[in-house]
Amino acid sequence: MSEEHIVRYSLEEIRAKWARGEKSKTDWARVDAMTDEDIDRATRDDPDWAGFDDIDWSKATMVFPTSKDYQTHMEAIQRHHVHEQKKPQG
């Protein structure tokens, strides 16, 4: 991993950057060229992914919670996580 730091931006800040013509530093061609095996290898070798190697991501969905239901949504995620952790391993 590079020595660069991670920066968070709001959607409004990103839109302002795009309006100024600033582009992402992500090498999207490289990302698009990655095979599933490349991604599996990268996550397997990344210590931040330890313990997440057997998760089935095929049913994952992108969620953009609103402030109104954010807490309820987070509690549902936590309940699901606890339920998954209690399943028998094997």
PDB file of N, CA and C in Angstrom:
ATOM      1  N   MET A   1       0.842  -1.174   0.000  1.00  0.00           N
ATOM      2  CA  MET A   1       0.000   0.000   0.000  1.00  0.00           C
ATOM      3  C   MET A   1       0.886   1.235   0.000  1.00  0.00           C
ATOM      4  N   SER A   2       0.457   2.245  -0.684  1.00  0.00           N
ATOM      5  CA  SER A   2       1.263   3.458  -0.774  1.00  0.00           C
ATOM      6  C   SER A   2       1.218   4.223   0.542  1.00  0.00           C
ATOM      7  N   GLU A   3       2.057   5.198   0.634  1.00  0.00           N
ATOM      8  CA  GLU A   3       2.123   6.019   1.846  1.00  0.00           C
ATOM      9  C   GLU A   3       1.117   7.166   1.810  1.00  0.00           C
ATOM     10  N   GLU A   4       0.329   7.258   0.744  1.00  0.00           N
ATOM     11  CA  GLU A   4      -0.660   8.325   0.664  1.00  0.00           C
ATOM     12  C   GLU A   4      -1.750   8.096   1.701  1.00  0.00           C
ATOM     13  N   HIS A   5      -2.386   9.165   2.122  1.00  0.00           N
ATOM     14  CA  HIS A   5      -3.431   9.046   3.129  1.00  0.00           C
ATOM     15  C   HIS A   5      -4.809   9.072   2.463  1.00  0.00           C
ATOM     16  N   ILE A   6      -5.784   8.558   3.168  1.00  0.00           N
ATOM     17  CA  ILE A   6      -7.153   8.507   2.674  1.00  0.00           C
ATOM     18  C   ILE A   6      -7.860   9.788   3.071  1.00  0.00           C
ATOM     19  N   VAL A   7      -8.584  10.367   2.126  1.00  0.00           N
ATOM     20  CA  VAL A   7      -9.310  11.608   2.362  1.00  0.00           C
ATOM     21  C   VAL A   7     -10.783  11.363   2.080  1.00  0.00           C
ATOM     22  N   ARG A   8     -11.646  11.885   2.925  1.00  0.00           N
ATOM     23  CA  ARG A   8     -13.086  11.750   2.730  1.00  0.00           C
ATOM     24  C   ARG A   8     -13.643  13.050   2.175  1.00  0.00           C
ATOM     25  N   TYR A   9     -14.573  12.922   1.224  1.00  0.00           N
ATOM     26  CA  TYR A   9     -15.243  14.073   0.633  1.00  0.00           C
ATOM     27  C   TYR A   9     -16.748  13.854   0.681  1.00  0.00           C
ATOM     28  N   SER A  10     -17.482  14.929   0.851  1.00  0.00           N
ATOM     29  CA  SER A  10     -18.935  14.844   0.744  1.00  0.00           C
ATOM     30  C   SER A  10     -19.295  14.823  -0.738  1.00  0.00           C
ATOM     31  N   LEU A  11     -20.522  14.457  -1.042  1.00  0.00           N
ATOM     32  CA  LEU A  11     -20.973  14.444  -2.427  1.00  0.00           C
ATOM     33  C   LEU A  11     -20.868  15.840  -3.034  1.00  0.00           C
ATOM     34  N   GLU A  12     -21.198  16.852  -2.263  1.00  0.00           N
ATOM     35  CA  GLU A  12     -21.114  18.224  -2.761  1.00  0.00           C
ATOM     36  C   GLU A  12     -19.669  18.602  -3.102  1.00  0.00           C
ATOM     37  N   GLU A  13     -18.728  18.177  -2.261  1.00  0.00           N
ATOM     38  CA  GLU A  13     -17.316  18.468  -2.533  1.00  0.00           C
ATOM     39  C   GLU A  13     -16.836  17.754  -3.790  1.00  0.00           C
ATOM     40  N   ILE A  14     -17.277  16.529  -3.978  1.00  0.00           N
ATOM     41  CA  ILE A  14     -16.888  15.787  -5.182  1.00  0.00           C
ATOM     42  C   ILE A  14     -17.460  16.464  -6.420  1.00  0.00           C
ATOM     43  N   ARG A  15     -18.726  16.860  -6.354  1.00  0.00           N
ATOM     44  CA  ARG A  15     -19.328  17.543  -7.509  1.00  0.00           C
ATOM     45  C   ARG A  15     -18.595  18.843  -7.817  1.00  0.00           C
ATOM     46  N   ALA A  16     -18.168  19.558  -6.791  1.00  0.00           N
ATOM     47  CA  ALA A  16     -17.416  20.795  -7.009  1.00  0.00           C
ATOM     48  C   ALA A  16     -16.075  20.496  -7.666  1.00  0.00           C
ATOM     49  N   LYS A  17     -15.417  19.429  -7.246  1.00  0.00           N
ATOM     50  CA  LYS A  17     -14.144  19.038  -7.864  1.00  0.00           C
ATOM     51  C   LYS A  17     -14.353  18.697  -9.336  1.00  0.00           C
ATOM     52  N   TRP A  18     -15.415  17.955  -9.640  1.00  0.00           N
ATOM     53  CA  TRP A  18     -15.709  17.607 -11.033  1.00  0.00           C
ATOM     54  C   TRP A  18     -15.979  18.869 -11.848  1.00  0.00           C
ATOM     55  N   ALA A  19     -16.726  19.811 -11.246  1.00  0.00           N
ATOM     56  CA  ALA A  19     -17.049  21.057 -11.955  1.00  0.00           C
ATOM     57  C   ALA A  19     -15.788  21.849 -12.277  1.00  0.00           C
ATOM     58  N   ARG A  20     -14.775  21.745 -11.412  1.00  0.00           N
ATOM     59  CA  ARG A  20     -13.494  22.430 -11.656  1.00  0.00           C
ATOM     60  C   ARG A  20     -12.610  21.637 -12.616  1.00  0.00           C
ATOM     61  N   GLY A  21     -13.076  20.467 -13.033  1.00  0.00           N
ATOM     62  CA  GLY A  21     -12.297  19.651 -13.959  1.00  0.00           C
ATOM     63  C   GLY A  21     -11.315  18.718 -13.284  1.00  0.00           C
ATOM     64  N   GLU A  22     -11.364  18.626 -11.952  1.00  0.00           N
ATOM     65  CA  GLU A  22     -10.469  17.711 -11.244  1.00  0.00           C
ATOM     66  C   GLU A  22     -10.963  16.283 -11.436  1.00  0.00           C
ATOM     67  N   LYS A  23     -10.054  15.394 -11.710  1.00  0.00           N
ATOM     68  CA  LYS A  23     -10.401  14.000 -11.966  1.00  0.00           C
ATOM     69  C   LYS A  23      -9.886  13.106 -10.846  1.00  0.00           C
ATOM     70  N   SER A  24     -10.432  11.914 -10.792  1.00  0.00           N
ATOM     71  CA  SER A  24     -10.007  10.913  -9.820  1.00  0.00           C
ATOM     72  C   SER A  24      -8.582  10.471 -10.109  1.00  0.00           C
ATOM     73  N   LYS A  25      -7.837  10.152  -9.062  1.00  0.00           N
ATOM     74  CA  LYS A  25      -6.486   9.617  -9.225  1.00  0.00           C
ATOM     75  C   LYS A  25      -6.510   8.093  -9.350  1.00  0.00           C
ATOM     76  N   THR A  26      -7.699   7.513  -9.281  1.00  0.00           N
ATOM     77  CA  THR A  26      -7.830   6.065  -9.404  1.00  0.00           C
ATOM     78  C   THR A  26      -7.543   5.634 -10.832  1.00  0.00           C
ATOM     79  N   ASP A  27      -6.770   4.595 -10.980  1.00  0.00           N
ATOM     80  CA  ASP A  27      -6.476   4.029 -12.298  1.00  0.00           C
ATOM     81  C   ASP A  27      -7.612   3.065 -12.650  1.00  0.00           C
ATOM     82  N   TRP A  28      -8.705   3.606 -13.198  1.00  0.00           N
ATOM     83  CA  TRP A  28      -9.891   2.808 -13.469  1.00  0.00           C
ATOM     84  C   TRP A  28      -9.642   1.741 -14.523  1.00  0.00           C
ATOM     85  N   ALA A  29      -8.740   1.987 -15.468  1.00  0.00           N
ATOM     86  CA  ALA A  29      -8.421   0.959 -16.469  1.00  0.00           C
ATOM     87  C   ALA A  29      -7.816  -0.263 -15.776  1.00  0.00           C
ATOM     88  N   ARG A  30      -6.958  -0.012 -14.799  1.00  0.00           N
ATOM     89  CA  ARG A  30      -6.358  -1.118 -14.040  1.00  0.00           C
ATOM     90  C   ARG A  30      -7.420  -1.854 -13.231  1.00  0.00           C
ATOM     91  N   VAL A  31      -8.321  -1.104 -12.603  1.00  0.00           N
ATOM     92  CA  VAL A  31      -9.398  -1.717 -11.823  1.00  0.00           C
ATOM     93  C   VAL A  31     -10.288  -2.560 -12.735  1.00  0.00           C
ATOM     94  N   ASP A  32     -10.676  -1.996 -13.874  1.00  0.00           N
ATOM     95  CA  ASP A  32     -11.540  -2.721 -14.813  1.00  0.00           C
ATOM     96  C   ASP A  32     -10.880  -3.984 -15.343  1.00  0.00           C
ATOM     97  N   ALA A  33      -9.557  -3.980 -15.442  1.00  0.00           N
ATOM     98  CA  ALA A  33      -8.831  -5.129 -15.990  1.00  0.00           C
ATOM     99  C   ALA A  33      -8.638  -6.249 -14.969  1.00  0.00           C
ATOM    100  N   MET A  34      -8.924  -5.982 -13.695  1.00  0.00           N
ATOM    101  CA  MET A  34      -8.719  -6.999 -12.665  1.00  0.00           C
ATOM    102  C   MET A  34      -9.733  -8.130 -12.811  1.00  0.00           C
ATOM    103  N   THR A  35      -9.239  -9.343 -12.711  1.00  0.00           N
ATOM    104  CA  THR A  35     -10.116 -10.518 -12.722  1.00  0.00           C
ATOM    105  C   THR A  35     -10.605 -10.786 -11.303  1.00  0.00           C
ATOM    106  N   ASP A  36     -11.588 -11.656 -11.176  1.00  0.00           N
ATOM    107  CA  ASP A  36     -12.050 -12.048  -9.842  1.00  0.00           C
ATOM    108  C   ASP A  36     -10.909 -12.661  -9.039  1.00  0.00           C
ATOM    109  N   GLU A  37     -10.050 -13.416  -9.716  1.00  0.00           N
ATOM    110  CA  GLU A  37      -8.908 -14.028  -9.039  1.00  0.00           C
ATOM    111  C   GLU A  37      -7.944 -12.958  -8.524  1.00  0.00           C
ATOM    112  N   ASP A  38      -7.727 -11.898  -9.313  1.00  0.00           N
ATOM    113  CA  ASP A  38      -6.866 -10.794  -8.872  1.00  0.00           C
ATOM    114  C   ASP A  38      -7.433 -10.146  -7.612  1.00  0.00           C
ATOM    115  N   ILE A  39      -8.733  -9.933  -7.618  1.00  0.00           N
ATOM    116  CA  ILE A  39      -9.387  -9.298  -6.468  1.00  0.00           C
ATOM    117  C   ILE A  39      -9.319 -10.219  -5.251  1.00  0.00           C
ATOM    118  N   ASP A  40      -9.592 -11.501  -5.454  1.00  0.00           N
ATOM    119  CA  ASP A  40      -9.500 -12.461  -4.343  1.00  0.00           C
ATOM    120  C   ASP A  40      -8.098 -12.481  -3.748  1.00  0.00           C
ATOM    121  N   ARG A  41      -7.079 -12.497  -4.606  1.00  0.00           N
ATOM    122  CA  ARG A  41      -5.691 -12.524  -4.138  1.00  0.00           C
ATOM    123  C   ARG A  41      -5.364 -11.239  -3.371  1.00  0.00           C
ATOM    124  N   ALA A  42      -5.802 -10.101  -3.896  1.00  0.00           N
ATOM    125  CA  ALA A  42      -5.511  -8.821  -3.240  1.00  0.00           C
ATOM    126  C   ALA A  42      -6.157  -8.749  -1.861  1.00  0.00           C
ATOM    127  N   THR A  43      -7.396  -9.199  -1.747  1.00  0.00           N
ATOM    128  CA  THR A  43      -8.054  -9.152  -0.440  1.00  0.00           C
ATOM    129  C   THR A  43      -7.468 -10.185   0.510  1.00  0.00           C
ATOM    130  N   ARG A  44      -7.108 -11.353  -0.016  1.00  0.00           N
ATOM    131  CA  ARG A  44      -6.516 -12.403   0.826  1.00  0.00           C
ATOM    132  C   ARG A  44      -5.182 -11.940   1.412  1.00  0.00           C
ATOM    133  N   ASP A  45      -4.425 -11.152   0.653  1.00  0.00           N
ATOM    134  CA  ASP A  45      -3.111 -10.685   1.097  1.00  0.00           C
ATOM    135  C   ASP A  45      -3.179  -9.399   1.916  1.00  0.00           C
ATOM    136  N   ASP A  46      -4.363  -8.807   2.036  1.00  0.00           N
ATOM    137  CA  ASP A  46      -4.525  -7.533   2.738  1.00  0.00           C
ATOM    138  C   ASP A  46      -4.944  -7.799   4.184  1.00  0.00           C
ATOM    139  N   PRO A  47      -4.129  -7.408   5.173  1.00  0.00           N
ATOM    140  CA  PRO A  47      -4.484  -7.687   6.573  1.00  0.00           C
ATOM    141  C   PRO A  47      -5.787  -7.022   7.007  1.00  0.00           C
ATOM    142  N   ASP A  48      -6.201  -5.948   6.343  1.00  0.00           N
ATOM    143  CA  ASP A  48      -7.467  -5.311   6.700  1.00  0.00           C
ATOM    144  C   ASP A  48      -8.669  -6.189   6.356  1.00  0.00           C
ATOM    145  N   TRP A  49      -8.469  -7.179   5.489  1.00  0.00           N
ATOM    146  CA  TRP A  49      -9.549  -8.079   5.087  1.00  0.00           C
ATOM    147  C   TRP A  49      -9.515  -9.402   5.845  1.00  0.00           C
ATOM    148  N   ALA A  50      -8.643  -9.546   6.818  1.00  0.00           N
ATOM    149  CA  ALA A  50      -8.556 -10.795   7.583  1.00  0.00           C
ATOM    150  C   ALA A  50      -9.917 -11.107   8.209  1.00  0.00           C
ATOM    151  N   GLY A  51     -10.380 -12.324   8.029  1.00  0.00           N
ATOM    152  CA  GLY A  51     -11.658 -12.734   8.596  1.00  0.00           C
ATOM    153  C   GLY A  51     -12.850 -12.487   7.693  1.00  0.00           C
ATOM    154  N   PHE A  52     -12.642 -11.809   6.578  1.00  0.00           N
ATOM    155  CA  PHE A  52     -13.744 -11.520   5.663  1.00  0.00           C
ATOM    156  C   PHE A  52     -13.668 -12.351   4.387  1.00  0.00           C
ATOM    157  N   ASP A  53     -12.778 -13.329   4.350  1.00  0.00           N
ATOM    158  CA  ASP A  53     -12.532 -14.061   3.108  1.00  0.00           C
ATOM    159  C   ASP A  53     -13.644 -15.025   2.718  1.00  0.00           C
ATOM    160  N   ASP A  54     -14.531 -15.360   3.629  1.00  0.00           N
ATOM    161  CA  ASP A  54     -15.580 -16.318   3.287  1.00  0.00           C
ATOM    162  C   ASP A  54     -16.957 -15.676   3.161  1.00  0.00           C
ATOM    163  N   ILE A  55     -17.007 -14.374   3.011  1.00  0.00           N
ATOM    164  CA  ILE A  55     -18.284 -13.673   2.883  1.00  0.00           C
ATOM    165  C   ILE A  55     -18.774 -13.775   1.442  1.00  0.00           C
ATOM    166  N   ASP A  56     -20.052 -14.094   1.274  1.00  0.00           N
ATOM    167  CA  ASP A  56     -20.668 -14.126  -0.050  1.00  0.00           C
ATOM    168  C   ASP A  56     -21.173 -12.718  -0.363  1.00  0.00           C
ATOM    169  N   TRP A  57     -20.450 -12.003  -1.214  1.00  0.00           N
ATOM    170  CA  TRP A  57     -20.785 -10.623  -1.557  1.00  0.00           C
ATOM    171  C   TRP A  57     -21.788 -10.537  -2.704  1.00  0.00           C
ATOM    172  N   SER A  58     -22.239 -11.674  -3.240  1.00  0.00           N
ATOM    173  CA  SER A  58     -23.098 -11.655  -4.426  1.00  0.00           C
ATOM    174  C   SER A  58     -24.450 -10.995  -4.170  1.00  0.00           C
ATOM    175  N   LYS A  59     -24.873 -10.932  -2.916  1.00  0.00           N
ATOM    176  CA  LYS A  59     -26.168 -10.323  -2.602  1.00  0.00           C
ATOM    177  C   LYS A  59     -26.015  -8.937  -1.972  1.00  0.00           C
ATOM    178  N   ALA A  60     -24.802  -8.431  -1.966  1.00  0.00           N
ATOM    179  CA  ALA A  60     -24.558  -7.117  -1.366  1.00  0.00           C
ATOM    180  C   ALA A  60     -25.225  -6.027  -2.197  1.00  0.00           C
ATOM    181  N   THR A  61     -25.712  -5.012  -1.521  1.00  0.00           N
ATOM    182  CA  THR A  61     -26.317  -3.875  -2.208  1.00  0.00           C
ATOM    183  C   THR A  61     -25.718  -2.589  -1.663  1.00  0.00           C
ATOM    184  N   MET A  62     -25.664  -1.582  -2.506  1.00  0.00           N
ATOM    185  CA  MET A  62     -25.177  -0.274  -2.090  1.00  0.00           C
ATOM    186  C   MET A  62     -26.320   0.443  -1.380  1.00  0.00           C
ATOM    187  N   VAL A  63     -26.044   0.982  -0.217  1.00  0.00           N
ATOM    188  CA  VAL A  63     -27.069   1.648   0.573  1.00  0.00           C
ATOM    189  C   VAL A  63     -26.620   3.066   0.870  1.00  0.00           C
ATOM    190  N   PHE A  64     -27.521   4.011   0.624  1.00  0.00           N
ATOM    191  CA  PHE A  64     -27.269   5.407   0.941  1.00  0.00           C
ATOM    192  C   PHE A  64     -28.336   5.836   1.945  1.00  0.00           C
ATOM    193  N   PRO A  65     -28.094   5.587   3.239  1.00  0.00           N
ATOM    194  CA  PRO A  65     -29.130   5.882   4.230  1.00  0.00           C
ATOM    195  C   PRO A  65     -29.382   7.375   4.371  1.00  0.00           C
ATOM    196  N   THR A  66     -30.617   7.705   4.643  1.00  0.00           N
ATOM    197  CA  THR A  66     -30.966   9.095   4.919  1.00  0.00           C
ATOM    198  C   THR A  66     -30.817   9.325   6.413  1.00  0.00           C
ATOM    199  N   SER A  67     -30.727  10.558   6.801  1.00  0.00           N
ATOM    200  CA  SER A  67     -30.558  10.854   8.226  1.00  0.00           C
ATOM    201  C   SER A  67     -31.763  10.369   9.025  1.00  0.00           C
ATOM    202  N   LYS A  68     -32.929  10.324   8.391  1.00  0.00           N
ATOM    203  CA  LYS A  68     -34.145   9.923   9.084  1.00  0.00           C
ATOM    204  C   LYS A  68     -34.104   8.465   9.547  1.00  0.00           C
ATOM    205  N   ASP A  69     -33.622   7.581   8.686  1.00  0.00           N
ATOM    206  CA  ASP A  69     -33.648   6.168   9.045  1.00  0.00           C
ATOM    207  C   ASP A  69     -32.261   5.568   9.250  1.00  0.00           C
ATOM    208  N   TYR A  70     -31.263   6.397   9.378  1.00  0.00           N
ATOM    209  CA  TYR A  70     -29.890   5.917   9.488  1.00  0.00           C
ATOM    210  C   TYR A  70     -29.706   4.986  10.684  1.00  0.00           C
ATOM    211  N   GLN A  71     -30.162   5.397  11.849  1.00  0.00           N
ATOM    212  CA  GLN A  71     -29.964   4.599  13.059  1.00  0.00           C
ATOM    213  C   GLN A  71     -30.671   3.251  12.948  1.00  0.00           C
ATOM    214  N   THR A  72     -31.892   3.246  12.449  1.00  0.00           N
ATOM    215  CA  THR A  72     -32.631   1.995  12.278  1.00  0.00           C
ATOM    216  C   THR A  72     -31.900   1.073  11.318  1.00  0.00           C
ATOM    217  N   HIS A  73     -31.396   1.636  10.247  1.00  0.00           N
ATOM    218  CA  HIS A  73     -30.667   0.848   9.255  1.00  0.00           C
ATOM    219  C   HIS A  73     -29.396   0.250   9.868  1.00  0.00           C
ATOM    220  N   MET A  74     -28.656   1.041  10.613  1.00  0.00           N
ATOM    221  CA  MET A  74     -27.424   0.552  11.238  1.00  0.00           C
ATOM    222  C   MET A  74     -27.730  -0.564  12.235  1.00  0.00           C
ATOM    223  N   GLU A  75     -28.801  -0.422  12.978  1.00  0.00           N
ATOM    224  CA  GLU A  75     -29.181  -1.474  13.922  1.00  0.00           C
ATOM    225  C   GLU A  75     -29.525  -2.766  13.185  1.00  0.00           C
ATOM    226  N   ALA A  76     -30.190  -2.654  12.041  1.00  0.00           N
ATOM    227  CA  ALA A  76     -30.514  -3.846  11.241  1.00  0.00           C
ATOM    228  C   ALA A  76     -29.239  -4.517  10.739  1.00  0.00           C
ATOM    229  N   ILE A  77     -28.276  -3.726  10.322  1.00  0.00           N
ATOM    230  CA  ILE A  77     -26.995  -4.275   9.866  1.00  0.00           C
ATOM    231  C   ILE A  77     -26.300  -5.000  11.015  1.00  0.00           C
ATOM    232  N   GLN A  78     -26.305  -4.391  12.194  1.00  0.00           N
ATOM    233  CA  GLN A  78     -25.666  -5.017  13.346  1.00  0.00           C
ATOM    234  C   GLN A  78     -26.365  -6.324  13.723  1.00  0.00           C
ATOM    235  N   ARG A  79     -27.699  -6.336  13.682  1.00  0.00           N
ATOM    236  CA  ARG A  79     -28.436  -7.573  13.984  1.00  0.00           C
ATOM    237  C   ARG A  79     -28.076  -8.666  12.988  1.00  0.00           C
ATOM    238  N   HIS A  80     -28.007  -8.303  11.708  1.00  0.00           N
ATOM    239  CA  HIS A  80     -27.647  -9.278  10.681  1.00  0.00           C
ATOM    240  C   HIS A  80     -26.240  -9.818  10.938  1.00  0.00           C
ATOM    241  N   HIS A  81     -25.321  -8.931  11.278  1.00  0.00           N
ATOM    242  CA  HIS A  81     -23.942  -9.349  11.546  1.00  0.00           C
ATOM    243  C   HIS A  81     -23.896 -10.337  12.715  1.00  0.00           C
ATOM    244  N   VAL A  82     -24.587 -10.024  13.791  1.00  0.00           N
ATOM    245  CA  VAL A  82     -24.611 -10.917  14.958  1.00  0.00           C
ATOM    246  C   VAL A  82     -25.217 -12.260  14.566  1.00  0.00           C
ATOM    247  N   HIS A  83     -26.302 -12.231  13.804  1.00  0.00           N
ATOM    248  CA  HIS A  83     -26.941 -13.474  13.349  1.00  0.00           C
ATOM    249  C   HIS A  83     -25.968 -14.318  12.533  1.00  0.00           C
ATOM    250  N   GLU A  84     -25.231 -13.688  11.620  1.00  0.00           N
ATOM    251  CA  GLU A  84     -24.272 -14.413  10.785  1.00  0.00           C
ATOM    252  C   GLU A  84     -23.130 -14.986  11.626  1.00  0.00           C
ATOM    253  N   GLN A  85     -22.707 -14.267  12.650  1.00  0.00           N
ATOM    254  CA  GLN A  85     -21.613 -14.738  13.496  1.00  0.00           C
ATOM    255  C   GLN A  85     -22.030 -15.940  14.340  1.00  0.00           C
ATOM    256  N   LYS A  86     -23.320 -16.048  14.649  1.00  0.00           N
ATOM    257  CA  LYS A  86     -23.808 -17.156  15.472  1.00  0.00           C
ATOM    258  C   LYS A  86     -24.034 -18.432  14.669  1.00  0.00           C
ATOM    259  N   LYS A  87     -23.984 -18.339  13.334  1.00  0.00           N
ATOM    260  CA  LYS A  87     -24.174 -19.533  12.505  1.00  0.00           C
ATOM    261  C   LYS A  87     -23.029 -20.502  12.742  1.00  0.00           C
ATOM    262  N   PRO A  88     -23.334 -21.800  12.734  1.00  0.00           N
ATOM    263  CA  PRO A  88     -22.259 -22.793  12.906  1.00  0.00           C
ATOM    264  C   PRO A  88     -21.240 -22.690  11.774  1.00  0.00           C
ATOM    265  N   GLN A  89     -19.988 -22.736  12.123  1.00  0.00           N
ATOM    266  CA  GLN A  89     -18.918 -22.692  11.125  1.00  0.00           C
ATOM    267  C   GLN A  89     -18.665 -24.094  10.610  1.00  0.00           C
ATOM    268  N   GLY A  90     -18.374 -24.202   9.341  1.00  0.00           N
ATOM    269  CA  GLY A  90     -18.009 -25.518   8.867  1.00  0.00           C
ATOM    270  C   GLY A  90     -18.596 -25.818   7.576  1.00  0.00           C
TER     271      GLY A  90
END
